[in-house]
PDB file of N, CA and C in Angstrom:
ATOM      1  N   MET A   1      16.385  -3.336   5.441  1.00  0.00           N
ATOM      2  CA  MET A   1      16.194  -4.180   4.283  1.00  0.00           C
ATOM      3  C   MET A   1      17.470  -4.996   4.079  1.00  0.00           C
ATOM      4  N   SER A   2      17.310  -6.258   3.750  1.00  0.00           N
ATOM      5  CA  SER A   2      18.490  -7.107   3.582  1.00  0.00           C
ATOM      6  C   SER A   2      19.266  -6.704   2.332  1.00  0.00           C
ATOM      7  N   SER A   3      20.553  -7.016   2.346  1.00  0.00           N
ATOM      8  CA  SER A   3      21.406  -6.640   1.215  1.00  0.00           C
ATOM      9  C   SER A   3      20.992  -7.369  -0.065  1.00  0.00           C
ATOM     10  N   VAL A   4      20.469  -8.580   0.065  1.00  0.00           N
ATOM     11  CA  VAL A   4      20.022  -9.320  -1.122  1.00  0.00           C
ATOM     12  C   VAL A   4      18.835  -8.609  -1.765  1.00  0.00           C
ATOM     13  N   ILE A   5      17.894  -8.186  -0.948  1.00  0.00           N
ATOM     14  CA  ILE A   5      16.725  -7.483  -1.479  1.00  0.00           C
ATOM     15  C   ILE A   5      17.153  -6.163  -2.110  1.00  0.00           C
ATOM     16  N   GLU A   6      18.062  -5.444  -1.466  1.00  0.00           N
ATOM     17  CA  GLU A   6      18.559  -4.189  -2.032  1.00  0.00           C
ATOM     18  C   GLU A   6      19.220  -4.429  -3.385  1.00  0.00           C
ATOM     19  N   LYS A   7      19.983  -5.510  -3.504  1.00  0.00           N
ATOM     20  CA  LYS A   7      20.636  -5.827  -4.782  1.00  0.00           C
ATOM     21  C   LYS A   7      19.601  -6.185  -5.841  1.00  0.00           C
ATOM     22  N   GLU A   8      18.563  -6.900  -5.450  1.00  0.00           N
ATOM     23  CA  GLU A   8      17.500  -7.234  -6.399  1.00  0.00           C
ATOM     24  C   GLU A   8      16.799  -5.975  -6.894  1.00  0.00           C
ATOM     25  N   ILE A   9      16.524  -5.070  -5.984  1.00  0.00           N
ATOM     26  CA  ILE A   9      15.881  -3.809  -6.364  1.00  0.00           C
ATOM     27  C   ILE A   9      16.792  -3.019  -7.297  1.00  0.00           C
ATOM     28  N   ASP A  10      18.056  -2.899  -6.937  1.00  0.00           N
ATOM     29  CA  ASP A  10      19.014  -2.195  -7.796  1.00  0.00           C
ATOM     30  C   ASP A  10      19.069  -2.819  -9.186  1.00  0.00           C
ATOM     31  N   SER A  11      19.053  -4.140  -9.248  1.00  0.00           N
ATOM     32  CA  SER A  11      19.103  -4.836 -10.537  1.00  0.00           C
ATOM     33  C   SER A  11      17.864  -4.564 -11.376  1.00  0.00           C
ATOM     34  N   LEU A  12      16.694  -4.545 -10.745  1.00  0.00           N
ATOM     35  CA  LEU A  12      15.461  -4.257 -11.485  1.00  0.00           C
ATOM     36  C   LEU A  12      15.501  -2.864 -12.098  1.00  0.00           C
ATOM     37  N   VAL A  13      16.138  -1.932 -11.394  1.00  0.00           N
ATOM     38  CA  VAL A  13      16.280  -0.576 -11.933  1.00  0.00           C
ATOM     39  C   VAL A  13      17.335  -0.556 -13.035  1.00  0.00           C
ATOM     40  N   SER A  14      18.486  -1.176 -12.811  1.00  0.00           N
ATOM     41  CA  SER A  14      19.561  -1.129 -13.809  1.00  0.00           C
ATOM     42  C   SER A  14      19.198  -1.880 -15.089  1.00  0.00           C
ATOM     43  N   ILE A  15      18.406  -2.939 -14.978  1.00  0.00           N
ATOM     44  CA  ILE A  15      17.941  -3.669 -16.159  1.00  0.00           C
ATOM     45  C   ILE A  15      16.978  -2.810 -16.966  1.00  0.00           C
ATOM     46  N   GLY A  16      16.273  -1.933 -16.272  1.00  0.00           N
ATOM     47  CA  GLY A  16      15.338  -1.048 -16.958  1.00  0.00           C
ATOM     48  C   GLY A  16      13.878  -1.388 -16.757  1.00  0.00           C
ATOM     49  N   PHE A  17      13.590  -2.341 -15.877  1.00  0.00           N
ATOM     50  CA  PHE A  17      12.191  -2.662 -15.599  1.00  0.00           C
ATOM     51  C   PHE A  17      11.499  -1.508 -14.879  1.00  0.00           C
ATOM     52  N   TYR A  18      12.262  -0.776 -14.072  1.00  0.00           N
ATOM     53  CA  TYR A  18      11.738   0.358 -13.313  1.00  0.00           C
ATOM     54  C   TYR A  18      12.682   1.534 -13.465  1.00  0.00           C
ATOM     55  N   GLU A  19      12.120   2.747 -13.325  1.00  0.00           N
ATOM     56  CA  GLU A  19      12.945   3.949 -13.403  1.00  0.00           C
ATOM     57  C   GLU A  19      13.606   4.282 -12.070  1.00  0.00           C
ATOM     58  N   THR A  20      12.927   3.942 -10.975  1.00  0.00           N
ATOM     59  CA  THR A  20      13.468   4.270  -9.651  1.00  0.00           C
ATOM     60  C   THR A  20      13.227   3.123  -8.670  1.00  0.00           C
ATOM     61  N   LYS A  21      13.989   3.139  -7.598  1.00  0.00           N
ATOM     62  CA  LYS A  21      13.799   2.159  -6.530  1.00  0.00           C
ATOM     63  C   LYS A  21      12.435   2.340  -5.875  1.00  0.00           C
ATOM     64  N   ASP A  22      12.002   3.594  -5.757  1.00  0.00           N
ATOM     65  CA  ASP A  22      10.691   3.859  -5.154  1.00  0.00           C
ATOM     66  C   ASP A  22       9.571   3.183  -5.935  1.00  0.00           C
ATOM     67  N   ARG A  23       9.672   3.157  -7.265  1.00  0.00           N
ATOM     68  CA  ARG A  23       8.648   2.515  -8.091  1.00  0.00           C
ATOM     69  C   ARG A  23       8.648   1.003  -7.864  1.00  0.00           C
ATOM     70  N   VAL A  24       9.820   0.416  -7.664  1.00  0.00           N
ATOM     71  CA  VAL A  24       9.900  -1.024  -7.377  1.00  0.00           C
ATOM     72  C   VAL A  24       9.143  -1.323  -6.088  1.00  0.00           C
ATOM     73  N   VAL A  25       9.428  -0.545  -5.060  1.00  0.00           N
ATOM     74  CA  VAL A  25       8.790  -0.762  -3.757  1.00  0.00           C
ATOM     75  C   VAL A  25       7.288  -0.520  -3.855  1.00  0.00           C
ATOM     76  N   ALA A  26       6.882   0.555  -4.532  1.00  0.00           N
ATOM     77  CA  ALA A  26       5.453   0.855  -4.679  1.00  0.00           C
ATOM     78  C   ALA A  26       4.734  -0.274  -5.400  1.00  0.00           C
ATOM     79  N   ASP A  27       5.354  -0.811  -6.435  1.00  0.00           N
ATOM     80  CA  ASP A  27       4.752  -1.915  -7.182  1.00  0.00           C
ATOM     81  C   ASP A  27       4.655  -3.171  -6.316  1.00  0.00           C
ATOM     82  N   ALA A  28       5.698  -3.431  -5.540  1.00  0.00           N
ATOM     83  CA  ALA A  28       5.701  -4.609  -4.665  1.00  0.00           C
ATOM     84  C   ALA A  28       4.623  -4.497  -3.588  1.00  0.00           C
ATOM     85  N   VAL A  29       4.491  -3.325  -2.991  1.00  0.00           N
ATOM     86  CA  VAL A  29       3.459  -3.125  -1.967  1.00  0.00           C
ATOM     87  C   VAL A  29       2.075  -3.247  -2.597  1.00  0.00           C
ATOM     88  N   GLY A  30       1.908  -2.665  -3.780  1.00  0.00           N
ATOM     89  CA  GLY A  30       0.626  -2.779  -4.479  1.00  0.00           C
ATOM     90  C   GLY A  30       0.253  -4.225  -4.753  1.00  0.00           C
ATOM     91  N   ALA A  31       1.225  -5.020  -5.190  1.00  0.00           N
ATOM     92  CA  ALA A  31       0.973  -6.439  -5.463  1.00  0.00           C
ATOM     93  C   ALA A  31       0.615  -7.184  -4.175  1.00  0.00           C
ATOM     94  N   LEU A  32       1.294  -6.853  -3.093  1.00  0.00           N
ATOM     95  CA  LEU A  32       0.995  -7.475  -1.802  1.00  0.00           C
ATOM     96  C   LEU A  32      -0.433  -7.162  -1.372  1.00  0.00           C
ATOM     97  N   LEU A  33      -0.834  -5.909  -1.506  1.00  0.00           N
ATOM     98  CA  LEU A  33      -2.177  -5.514  -1.090  1.00  0.00           C
ATOM     99  C   LEU A  33      -3.258  -6.109  -1.987  1.00  0.00           C
ATOM    100  N   GLU A  34      -2.930  -6.350  -3.244  1.00  0.00           N
ATOM    101  CA  GLU A  34      -3.877  -7.036  -4.135  1.00  0.00           C
ATOM    102  C   GLU A  34      -4.095  -8.472  -3.675  1.00  0.00           C
ATOM    103  N   LYS A  35      -3.021  -9.106  -3.267  1.00  0.00           N
ATOM    104  CA  LYS A  35      -3.093 -10.507  -2.843  1.00  0.00           C
ATOM    105  C   LYS A  35      -3.709 -10.655  -1.449  1.00  0.00           C
ATOM    106  N   ARG A  36      -3.571  -9.628  -0.629  1.00  0.00           N
ATOM    107  CA  ARG A  36      -4.040  -9.688   0.762  1.00  0.00           C
ATOM    108  C   ARG A  36      -4.992  -8.525   1.051  1.00  0.00           C
ATOM    109  N   PRO A  37      -6.245  -8.594   0.586  1.00  0.00           N
ATOM    110  CA  PRO A  37      -7.177  -7.479   0.755  1.00  0.00           C
ATOM    111  C   PRO A  37      -7.417  -7.087   2.212  1.00  0.00           C
ATOM    112  N   GLU A  38      -7.296  -8.033   3.133  1.00  0.00           N
ATOM    113  CA  GLU A  38      -7.490  -7.690   4.543  1.00  0.00           C
ATOM    114  C   GLU A  38      -6.400  -6.736   5.019  1.00  0.00           C
ATOM    115  N   MET A  39      -5.215  -6.843   4.448  1.00  0.00           N
ATOM    116  CA  MET A  39      -4.133  -5.919   4.782  1.00  0.00           C
ATOM    117  C   MET A  39      -4.453  -4.521   4.263  1.00  0.00           C
ATOM    118  N   ARG A  40      -5.053  -4.451   3.077  1.00  0.00           N
ATOM    119  CA  ARG A  40      -5.430  -3.168   2.480  1.00  0.00           C
ATOM    120  C   ARG A  40      -6.395  -2.437   3.410  1.00  0.00           C
ATOM    121  N   GLN A  41      -7.378  -3.155   3.920  1.00  0.00           N
ATOM    122  CA  GLN A  41      -8.368  -2.551   4.811  1.00  0.00           C
ATOM    123  C   GLN A  41      -7.717  -2.086   6.113  1.00  0.00           C
ATOM    124  N   GLU A  42      -6.893  -2.918   6.708  1.00  0.00           N
ATOM    125  CA  GLU A  42      -6.208  -2.551   7.958  1.00  0.00           C
ATOM    126  C   GLU A  42      -5.288  -1.349   7.743  1.00  0.00           C
ATOM    127  N   LEU A  43      -4.605  -1.332   6.606  1.00  0.00           N
ATOM    128  CA  LEU A  43      -3.733  -0.209   6.270  1.00  0.00           C
ATOM    129  C   LEU A  43      -4.537   1.077   6.184  1.00  0.00           C
ATOM    130  N   ALA A  44      -5.666   1.021   5.497  1.00  0.00           N
ATOM    131  CA  ALA A  44      -6.508   2.203   5.338  1.00  0.00           C
ATOM    132  C   ALA A  44      -7.000   2.720   6.686  1.00  0.00           C
ATOM    133  N   VAL A  45      -7.440   1.818   7.543  1.00  0.00           N
ATOM    134  CA  VAL A  45      -7.909   2.217   8.876  1.00  0.00           C
ATOM    135  C   VAL A  45      -6.770   2.864   9.658  1.00  0.00           C
ATOM    136  N   ASN A  46      -5.605   2.252   9.616  1.00  0.00           N
ATOM    137  CA  ASN A  46      -4.452   2.783  10.339  1.00  0.00           C
ATOM    138  C   ASN A  46      -4.060   4.167   9.827  1.00  0.00           C
ATOM    139  N   LEU A  47      -4.004   4.333   8.511  1.00  0.00           N
ATOM    140  CA  LEU A  47      -3.651   5.635   7.938  1.00  0.00           C
ATOM    141  C   LEU A  47      -4.663   6.701   8.339  1.00  0.00           C
ATOM    142  N   TYR A  48      -5.940   6.333   8.346  1.00  0.00           N
ATOM    143  CA  TYR A  48      -6.986   7.281   8.731  1.00  0.00           C
ATOM    144  C   TYR A  48      -6.895   7.638  10.214  1.00  0.00           C
ATOM    145  N   LYS A  49      -6.771   6.632  11.063  1.00  0.00           N
ATOM    146  CA  LYS A  49      -6.733   6.884  12.511  1.00  0.00           C
ATOM    147  C   LYS A  49      -5.495   7.668  12.937  1.00  0.00           C
ATOM    148  N   ASN A  50      -4.404   7.541  12.172  1.00  0.00           N
ATOM    149  CA  ASN A  50      -3.188   8.304  12.462  1.00  0.00           C
ATOM    150  C   ASN A  50      -3.233   9.711  11.875  1.00  0.00           C
ATOM    151  N   GLY A  51      -4.299  10.020  11.131  1.00  0.00           N
ATOM    152  CA  GLY A  51      -4.432  11.344  10.536  1.00  0.00           C
ATOM    153  C   GLY A  51      -3.602  11.550   9.286  1.00  0.00           C
ATOM    154  N   ASP A  52      -3.127  10.449   8.694  1.00  0.00           N
ATOM    155  CA  ASP A  52      -2.294  10.554   7.495  1.00  0.00           C
ATOM    156  C   ASP A  52      -3.113  10.775   6.229  1.00  0.00           C
ATOM    157  N   VAL A  53      -4.359  10.308   6.228  1.00  0.00           N
ATOM    158  CA  VAL A  53      -5.247  10.487   5.078  1.00  0.00           C
ATOM    159  C   VAL A  53      -6.644  10.832   5.574  1.00  0.00           C
ATOM    160  N   SER A  54      -7.426  11.411   4.682  1.00  0.00           N
ATOM    161  CA  SER A  54      -8.815  11.741   5.013  1.00  0.00           C
ATOM    162  C   SER A  54      -9.661  10.472   5.037  1.00  0.00           C
ATOM    163  N   LEU A  55     -10.849  10.598   5.574  1.00  0.00           N
ATOM    164  CA  LEU A  55     -11.784   9.471   5.585  1.00  0.00           C
ATOM    165  C   LEU A  55     -12.074   9.019   4.161  1.00  0.00           C
ATOM    166  N   TRP A  56     -12.285   9.978   3.282  1.00  0.00           N
ATOM    167  CA  TRP A  56     -12.580   9.670   1.879  1.00  0.00           C
ATOM    168  C   TRP A  56     -11.421   8.902   1.232  1.00  0.00           C
ATOM    169  N   LYS A  57     -10.188   9.401   1.411  1.00  0.00           N
ATOM    170  CA  LYS A  57      -9.016   8.752   0.825  1.00  0.00           C
ATOM    171  C   LYS A  57      -8.836   7.356   1.409  1.00  0.00           C
ATOM    172  N   ALA A  58      -9.053   7.211   2.697  1.00  0.00           N
ATOM    173  CA  ALA A  58      -8.920   5.898   3.333  1.00  0.00           C
ATOM    174  C   ALA A  58      -9.929   4.915   2.761  1.00  0.00           C
ATOM    175  N   SER A  59     -11.153   5.375   2.505  1.00  0.00           N
ATOM    176  CA  SER A  59     -12.156   4.478   1.918  1.00  0.00           C
ATOM    177  C   SER A  59     -11.741   4.060   0.515  1.00  0.00           C
ATOM    178  N   GLU A  60     -11.093   4.967  -0.226  1.00  0.00           N
ATOM    179  CA  GLU A  60     -10.575   4.612  -1.556  1.00  0.00           C
ATOM    180  C   GLU A  60      -9.471   3.566  -1.441  1.00  0.00           C
ATOM    181  N   ILE A  61      -8.559   3.763  -0.501  1.00  0.00           N
ATOM    182  CA  ILE A  61      -7.466   2.810  -0.296  1.00  0.00           C
ATOM    183  C   ILE A  61      -8.031   1.433   0.039  1.00  0.00           C
ATOM    184  N   ALA A  62      -9.048   1.408   0.897  1.00  0.00           N
ATOM    185  CA  ALA A  62      -9.671   0.144   1.312  1.00  0.00           C
ATOM    186  C   ALA A  62     -10.552  -0.455   0.219  1.00  0.00           C
ATOM    187  N   ARG A  63     -10.804   0.343  -0.822  1.00  0.00           N
ATOM    188  CA  ARG A  63     -11.697  -0.065  -1.916  1.00  0.00           C
ATOM    189  C   ARG A  63     -13.097  -0.386  -1.399  1.00  0.00           C
ATOM    190  N   MET A  64     -13.566   0.533  -0.552  1.00  0.00           N
ATOM    191  CA  MET A  64     -14.905   0.417   0.023  1.00  0.00           C
ATOM    192  C   MET A  64     -15.616   1.745  -0.200  1.00  0.00           C
ATOM    193  N   ASN A  65     -16.960   1.694  -0.216  1.00  0.00           N
ATOM    194  CA  ASN A  65     -17.645   2.978  -0.269  1.00  0.00           C
ATOM    195  C   ASN A  65     -17.532   3.633   1.103  1.00  0.00           C
ATOM    196  N   LEU A  66     -17.831   4.916   1.148  1.00  0.00           N
ATOM    197  CA  LEU A  66     -17.612   5.691   2.364  1.00  0.00           C
ATOM    198  C   LEU A  66     -18.379   5.138   3.564  1.00  0.00           C
ATOM    199  N   GLU A  67     -19.636   4.759   3.349  1.00  0.00           N
ATOM    200  CA  GLU A  67     -20.450   4.240   4.457  1.00  0.00           C
ATOM    201  C   GLU A  67     -19.906   2.916   4.986  1.00  0.00           C
ATOM    202  N   GLU A  68     -19.491   2.032   4.086  1.00  0.00           N
ATOM    203  CA  GLU A  68     -18.899   0.756   4.517  1.00  0.00           C
ATOM    204  C   GLU A  68     -17.643   1.010   5.354  1.00  0.00           C
ATOM    205  N   PHE A  69     -16.832   1.957   4.880  1.00  0.00           N
ATOM    206  CA  PHE A  69     -15.588   2.233   5.590  1.00  0.00           C
ATOM    207  C   PHE A  69     -15.859   2.843   6.963  1.00  0.00           C
ATOM    208  N   LYS A  70     -16.845   3.717   7.052  1.00  0.00           N
ATOM    209  CA  LYS A  70     -17.212   4.282   8.357  1.00  0.00           C
ATOM    210  C   LYS A  70     -17.589   3.168   9.332  1.00  0.00           C
ATOM    211  N   ASP A  71     -18.351   2.184   8.844  1.00  0.00           N
ATOM    212  CA  ASP A  71     -18.743   1.053   9.690  1.00  0.00           C
ATOM    213  C   ASP A  71     -17.522   0.276  10.176  1.00  0.00           C
ATOM    214  N   VAL A  72     -16.568   0.061   9.289  1.00  0.00           N
ATOM    215  CA  VAL A  72     -15.348  -0.668   9.653  1.00  0.00           C
ATOM    216  C   VAL A  72     -14.588   0.093  10.735  1.00  0.00           C
ATOM    217  N   CYS A  73     -14.537   1.403  10.613  1.00  0.00           N
ATOM    218  CA  CYS A  73     -13.803   2.222  11.591  1.00  0.00           C
ATOM    219  C   CYS A  73     -14.459   2.209  12.961  1.00  0.00           C
ATOM    220  N   GLN A  74     -15.754   1.980  13.011  1.00  0.00           N
ATOM    221  CA  GLN A  74     -16.459   1.958  14.291  1.00  0.00           C
ATOM    222  C   GLN A  74     -16.305   0.631  15.017  1.00  0.00           C
ATOM    223  N   ASP A  75     -15.928  -0.407  14.303  1.00  0.00           N
ATOM    224  CA  ASP A  75     -15.772  -1.732  14.929  1.00  0.00           C
ATOM    225  C   ASP A  75     -14.598  -1.776  15.866  1.00  0.00           C
TER     226      ASP A  75
END
């Protein structure tokens, strides 16, 4: 991570917008996935195929019902 980004994250915490650096990153990733739904789906498939999450959890991450997500995984 670049030093500028690290300083921005530190500042967001010190100002009091966030309690921890992890929350800043989690919020930023969440905002990115909201803006780019195709990334959310790819992320969910990757997490599932790597065994990091269950099929059910991956379908939740992708914001798809279980059957839709199963179809995506078969493609």
